[in-house]
Protein backbone atom coordinates (compact mmCIF):
# COMPACT_ATOMS: atom_id res chain seq x y z
CA LEU A 1 0.00 0.00 0.00
CA ASN A 2 1.15 3.55 -0.74
CA GLU A 3 0.68 4.71 2.84
CA GLY A 4 2.39 8.11 2.59
CA GLY A 5 -0.83 9.96 1.89
CA TYR A 6 -0.94 13.71 1.46
CA HIS A 7 2.68 14.32 2.52
CA SER A 8 4.02 11.86 -0.06
CA LEU A 9 2.17 13.11 -3.14
CA PRO A 10 4.75 13.82 -5.85
CA ASN A 11 4.64 16.38 -8.62
CA LEU A 12 1.83 14.89 -10.70
CA THR A 13 3.02 16.10 -14.09
CA PHE A 14 6.13 15.66 -16.19
CA LYS A 15 6.95 16.22 -19.83
CA GLY A 16 4.84 13.88 -21.88
CA GLY A 17 2.89 12.33 -19.01
CA MET A 18 0.93 12.45 -15.77
CA LEU A 19 0.78 10.38 -12.60
CA THR A 20 -2.70 9.06 -11.87
CA GLY A 21 -4.35 6.45 -9.69
CA CYS A 22 -2.56 4.42 -7.06
CA SER A 23 0.82 5.04 -8.71
CA ALA A 24 0.58 8.64 -7.48
CA GLY A 25 -0.37 7.59 -3.94
CA PHE A 26 -4.05 8.61 -3.82
CA LEU A 27 -4.86 6.32 -0.90
CA ASN A 28 -6.77 7.39 2.20
CA VAL A 29 -4.99 5.23 4.78
CA ALA A 30 -7.48 5.99 7.56
CA GLU A 31 -10.37 4.56 5.55
CA ILE A 32 -8.24 2.14 3.50
CA LYS A 33 -9.93 3.52 0.40
CA GLY A 34 -8.33 4.78 -2.76
CA THR A 35 -10.51 3.66 -5.66
CA HIS A 36 -12.61 6.83 -5.76
CA HIS A 37 -9.55 9.04 -5.47
CA ALA A 38 -7.82 7.11 -8.25
CA MET A 39 -10.86 7.40 -10.50
CA LYS A 40 -11.08 11.11 -9.82
CA SER A 41 -7.46 11.58 -10.84
CA GLY A 42 -8.18 9.78 -14.12
CA ILE A 43 -11.20 12.00 -14.75
CA VAL A 44 -9.24 15.19 -14.03
CA ALA A 45 -6.36 14.00 -16.22
CA ALA A 46 -8.75 13.29 -19.11
CA GLU A 47 -10.47 16.67 -18.70
CA THR A 48 -7.11 18.44 -18.72
CA ILE A 49 -6.03 16.69 -21.91
CA MET A 50 -9.35 17.34 -23.67
CA LYS A 51 -9.26 21.04 -22.83
CA ARG A 52 -5.86 21.34 -24.53
CA ILE A 53 -6.99 19.30 -27.52
CA GLY A 54 -10.14 21.42 -27.75
CA ARG A 55 -7.90 24.43 -28.22
CA ASP A 56 -6.07 22.62 -31.05
CA GLU A 57 -2.84 22.50 -29.05
CA ASP A 58 -0.06 20.03 -29.70
CA ILE A 59 0.49 18.52 -26.25
CA SER A 60 3.07 15.90 -27.21
CA GLY A 61 6.07 16.08 -24.89
CA LYS A 62 4.54 18.82 -22.76
CA ALA A 63 3.88 18.93 -19.01
CA LEU A 64 0.26 19.80 -18.31
CA TYR A 65 0.72 21.57 -14.98
CA GLU A 66 -2.95 22.45 -14.66
CA TYR A 67 -3.63 18.79 -13.91
CA HIS A 68 -1.50 19.08 -10.75
CA THR A 69 -3.27 22.25 -9.58
CA SER A 70 -6.72 20.90 -10.49
CA MET A 71 -6.12 17.77 -8.43
CA HIS A 72 -5.01 19.79 -5.41
CA ASP A 73 -8.19 21.84 -5.73
CA SER A 74 -10.34 18.69 -5.97
CA TRP A 75 -12.18 16.90 -3.17
CA ALA A 76 -9.79 13.94 -3.55
CA VAL A 77 -6.63 15.72 -2.38
CA LYS A 78 -8.58 17.76 0.16
CA ASP A 79 -9.75 14.45 1.65
CA LEU A 80 -6.14 13.24 1.84
CA LYS A 81 -5.15 16.47 3.58
CA LYS A 82 -7.92 15.99 6.12
CA TRP A 83 -6.35 12.67 7.18
CA ARG A 84 -2.71 13.74 6.68
CA ASN A 85 -1.77 13.04 10.31
CA PHE A 86 -3.39 9.62 10.67
CA LYS A 87 -0.59 7.27 9.63
CA LEU A 88 2.23 9.17 11.34
CA GLY A 89 0.29 9.10 14.60
CA PHE A 90 1.26 5.44 14.92
CA LYS A 91 4.95 6.31 14.86
CA ASN A 92 4.85 6.93 18.62
CA SER A 93 2.90 3.82 19.64
CA LEU A 94 -0.14 1.75 18.74
CA TRP A 95 -2.27 3.23 21.51
CA PHE A 96 -1.27 6.80 20.70
CA GLY A 97 -2.12 6.17 17.05
CA LEU A 98 -5.53 4.72 17.88
CA ILE A 99 -6.50 7.56 20.26
CA HIS A 100 -5.10 10.20 17.90
CA GLY A 101 -6.93 8.63 14.95
CA PHE A 102 -10.19 8.73 16.91
CA LEU A 103 -9.71 12.46 17.61
CA LEU A 104 -9.19 13.15 13.92
CA ASN A 105 -12.82 12.20 13.35
CA PHE A 106 -13.71 15.39 15.20
CA THR A 107 -10.99 17.76 13.97
CA GLN A 108 -11.59 16.80 10.32
CA GLY A 109 -8.17 18.04 9.26
CA LYS A 110 -8.43 21.36 11.13
CA GLU A 111 -6.06 20.33 13.92
CA PRO A 112 -3.31 22.93 14.37
CA TRP A 113 -0.51 20.35 14.17
CA THR A 114 1.06 18.43 11.30
CA PHE A 115 3.18 15.34 11.88
CA ARG A 116 6.15 14.87 9.58
CA THR A 117 8.69 12.10 9.25
CA SER A 118 12.26 13.06 10.02
CA LYS A 119 14.03 10.12 8.34
CA ARG A 120 13.97 8.32 5.03
CA ASP A 121 12.52 4.81 4.97
CA HIS A 122 15.84 2.96 4.78
CA GLU A 123 17.13 4.82 7.86
CA TYR A 124 14.60 2.92 9.98
CA THR A 125 16.23 -0.41 9.04
CA GLU A 126 18.15 -1.52 12.13
CA PRO A 127 20.91 -4.12 12.72
CA LYS A 128 19.75 -7.72 13.06
CA GLY A 129 21.33 -7.96 16.52
CA LYS A 130 18.42 -6.03 17.99
CA TYR A 131 15.89 -8.67 16.98
CA GLN A 132 15.18 -12.38 17.17
CA PRO A 133 14.72 -14.30 13.90
CA LYS A 134 11.12 -15.16 13.06
CA VAL A 135 10.31 -18.78 12.33
CA TYR A 136 7.24 -19.18 10.16
CA PRO A 137 5.20 -22.41 9.98
CA LYS A 138 5.70 -24.60 6.94
CA LYS A 139 3.35 -23.83 4.04
CA ASP A 140 0.45 -26.32 3.83
CA ASN A 141 -0.32 -25.67 0.12
CA LYS A 142 -3.99 -25.35 1.02
CA LEU A 143 -4.31 -21.98 2.71
CA THR A 144 -0.67 -20.93 2.62
CA PHE A 145 1.75 -21.21 -0.30
CA ASP A 146 5.40 -20.48 -0.95
CA LEU A 147 6.49 -17.34 -2.77
CA LEU A 148 7.17 -18.90 -6.15
CA ASN A 149 3.77 -20.61 -6.28
CA ASN A 150 2.08 -17.32 -5.51
CA LEU A 151 4.28 -15.58 -8.07
CA GLN A 152 2.83 -17.76 -10.83
CA ARG A 153 -0.64 -16.54 -9.91
CA SER A 154 0.42 -12.90 -10.25
CA GLY A 155 0.78 -13.18 -14.02
CA THR A 156 4.24 -11.60 -13.94
CA ASP A 157 5.92 -12.01 -17.32
CA HIS A 158 9.40 -10.82 -18.30
CA ASP A 159 11.77 -12.06 -20.98
CA HIS A 160 14.50 -14.03 -19.22
CA ASP A 161 17.18 -12.46 -21.39
CA GLN A 162 16.11 -8.83 -21.06
CA PRO A 163 18.49 -6.42 -19.24
CA SER A 164 17.99 -6.37 -15.48
CA HIS A 165 16.04 -3.33 -14.35
CA LEU A 166 17.27 -3.85 -10.77
CA LYS A 167 20.75 -2.60 -10.07
CA ILE A 168 23.25 -2.01 -7.29
CA LYS A 169 24.00 1.70 -7.12
CA LYS A 170 27.38 2.81 -8.38
CA GLY A 171 30.08 2.63 -5.70
CA MET A 172 27.91 0.65 -3.25
CA ASP A 173 28.97 -2.93 -4.03
CA GLU A 174 30.30 -3.37 -0.49
CA MET A 175 26.73 -3.06 0.83
CA VAL A 176 25.92 -6.54 -0.50
CA LYS A 177 28.07 -8.10 2.22
CA LYS A 178 27.19 -5.53 4.88
CA SER A 179 23.49 -6.01 4.30
CA LEU A 180 23.86 -9.72 5.02
CA GLU A 181 26.29 -9.56 7.94
CA ILE A 182 24.92 -6.52 9.78
CA TYR A 183 21.24 -6.34 8.82
CA GLY A 184 20.43 -9.97 7.99
CA ALA A 185 19.75 -9.24 4.30
CA PRO A 186 16.26 -7.74 4.66
CA GLU A 187 15.88 -7.60 0.87
CA ASP A 188 15.93 -11.42 0.83
CA HIS A 189 12.90 -11.39 3.15
CA PHE A 190 10.70 -8.42 2.27
CA CYS A 191 10.64 -9.16 -1.47
CA PRO A 192 7.31 -10.89 -2.30
CA ALA A 193 8.75 -12.52 -5.42
CA LYS A 194 12.10 -13.93 -4.24
CA VAL A 195 14.01 -11.57 -6.49
CA TYR A 196 16.98 -11.20 -4.12
CA GLU A 197 19.14 -14.04 -2.83
CA HIS A 198 22.46 -13.70 -0.99
CA ILE A 199 24.54 -16.69 -2.09
CA LYS A 200 27.80 -17.69 -0.43
CA ASP A 201 30.50 -19.40 -2.48
CA GLU A 202 31.48 -22.54 -0.56
CA LYS A 203 35.05 -22.47 -1.89
CA THR A 204 35.96 -18.79 -1.54
CA GLY A 205 33.49 -17.76 1.15
CA GLU A 206 32.58 -14.69 -0.92
CA VAL A 207 28.99 -13.51 -0.82
CA ARG A 208 27.26 -12.37 -3.97
CA LEU A 209 23.78 -11.01 -4.51
CA GLN A 210 21.78 -12.91 -7.08
CA ILE A 211 19.05 -10.75 -8.61
CA ASN A 212 16.22 -12.70 -10.24
CA ALA A 213 14.83 -9.67 -12.03
CA GLN A 214 12.41 -11.73 -14.11
CA ASN A 215 10.41 -12.46 -10.91
CA CYS A 216 9.87 -8.79 -10.05
CA VAL A 217 6.28 -7.63 -9.42
CA HIS A 218 7.40 -3.98 -9.18
CA CYS A 219 6.36 -3.27 -5.60
CA LYS A 220 9.47 -1.03 -5.41
CA THR A 221 10.17 -1.86 -1.75
CA CYS A 222 13.78 -2.53 -2.74
CA ASP A 223 14.02 1.03 -4.01
CA ILE A 224 13.39 2.56 -0.58
CA LYS A 225 14.02 0.05 2.22
CA PRO A 226 17.43 -1.72 1.96
CA PRO A 227 20.30 -0.57 4.20
CA SER A 228 21.90 2.64 2.90
CA ASN A 229 19.35 2.51 0.06
CA TYR A 230 21.90 0.67 -2.10
CA LEU A 231 19.49 -0.88 -4.62
CA LEU A 232 17.95 0.93 -7.58
CA TRP A 233 14.71 0.08 -9.38
CA THR A 234 14.54 1.33 -12.97
CA VAL A 235 11.82 1.07 -15.61
CA PRO A 236 11.99 -2.43 -17.17
CA GLU A 237 12.32 -3.08 -20.87
CA GLY A 238 8.91 -2.83 -22.53
């Protein structure tokens, strides 16, 4: 889920395109609803395009900035602003978040405070020494299934010989080993498609990161969560 809400909305326009729907983050986390907001963004985008076409303008390669302003003037973004503090209220504790969320039903976005995050997502990833490993029950193949079985149901389809769209950032190759030794290789665990695997060479003892890019379902968690943010998601070959 794109849980950032109002504070995480990006610039909605760029040359030759617009961001609409869930890809832009139009999700009301408090109500766990985003369909209506996504549909509204599509409607506003279409109206913006048709206005330009109606004036016989060539819009190819242009950024239609009025879409961004129209969305921020719409009920959809105003609704997100009303609940802007909901998710971050849970940063303190579960009980604080629940009580604070209840109060927001009465303030309706008019509260005089605004919570903001002070760190990037990957900075919250802590060393494995602070935690105990989780042991999950074996999959029964009736109600629970392993990752690769579920991956087949997703319909993901990439050419096996296409260039990998997942990369290690330049100058950060040492993070492959550090991620495993210090942080327990979280990318091996949070990926829902088993894209990342730390493999140790039995002869040399060297650790390498195997990237199974063809499995990727483009959740983009690896683009924001790994230690030091050392992985990079790029647009895959079409």
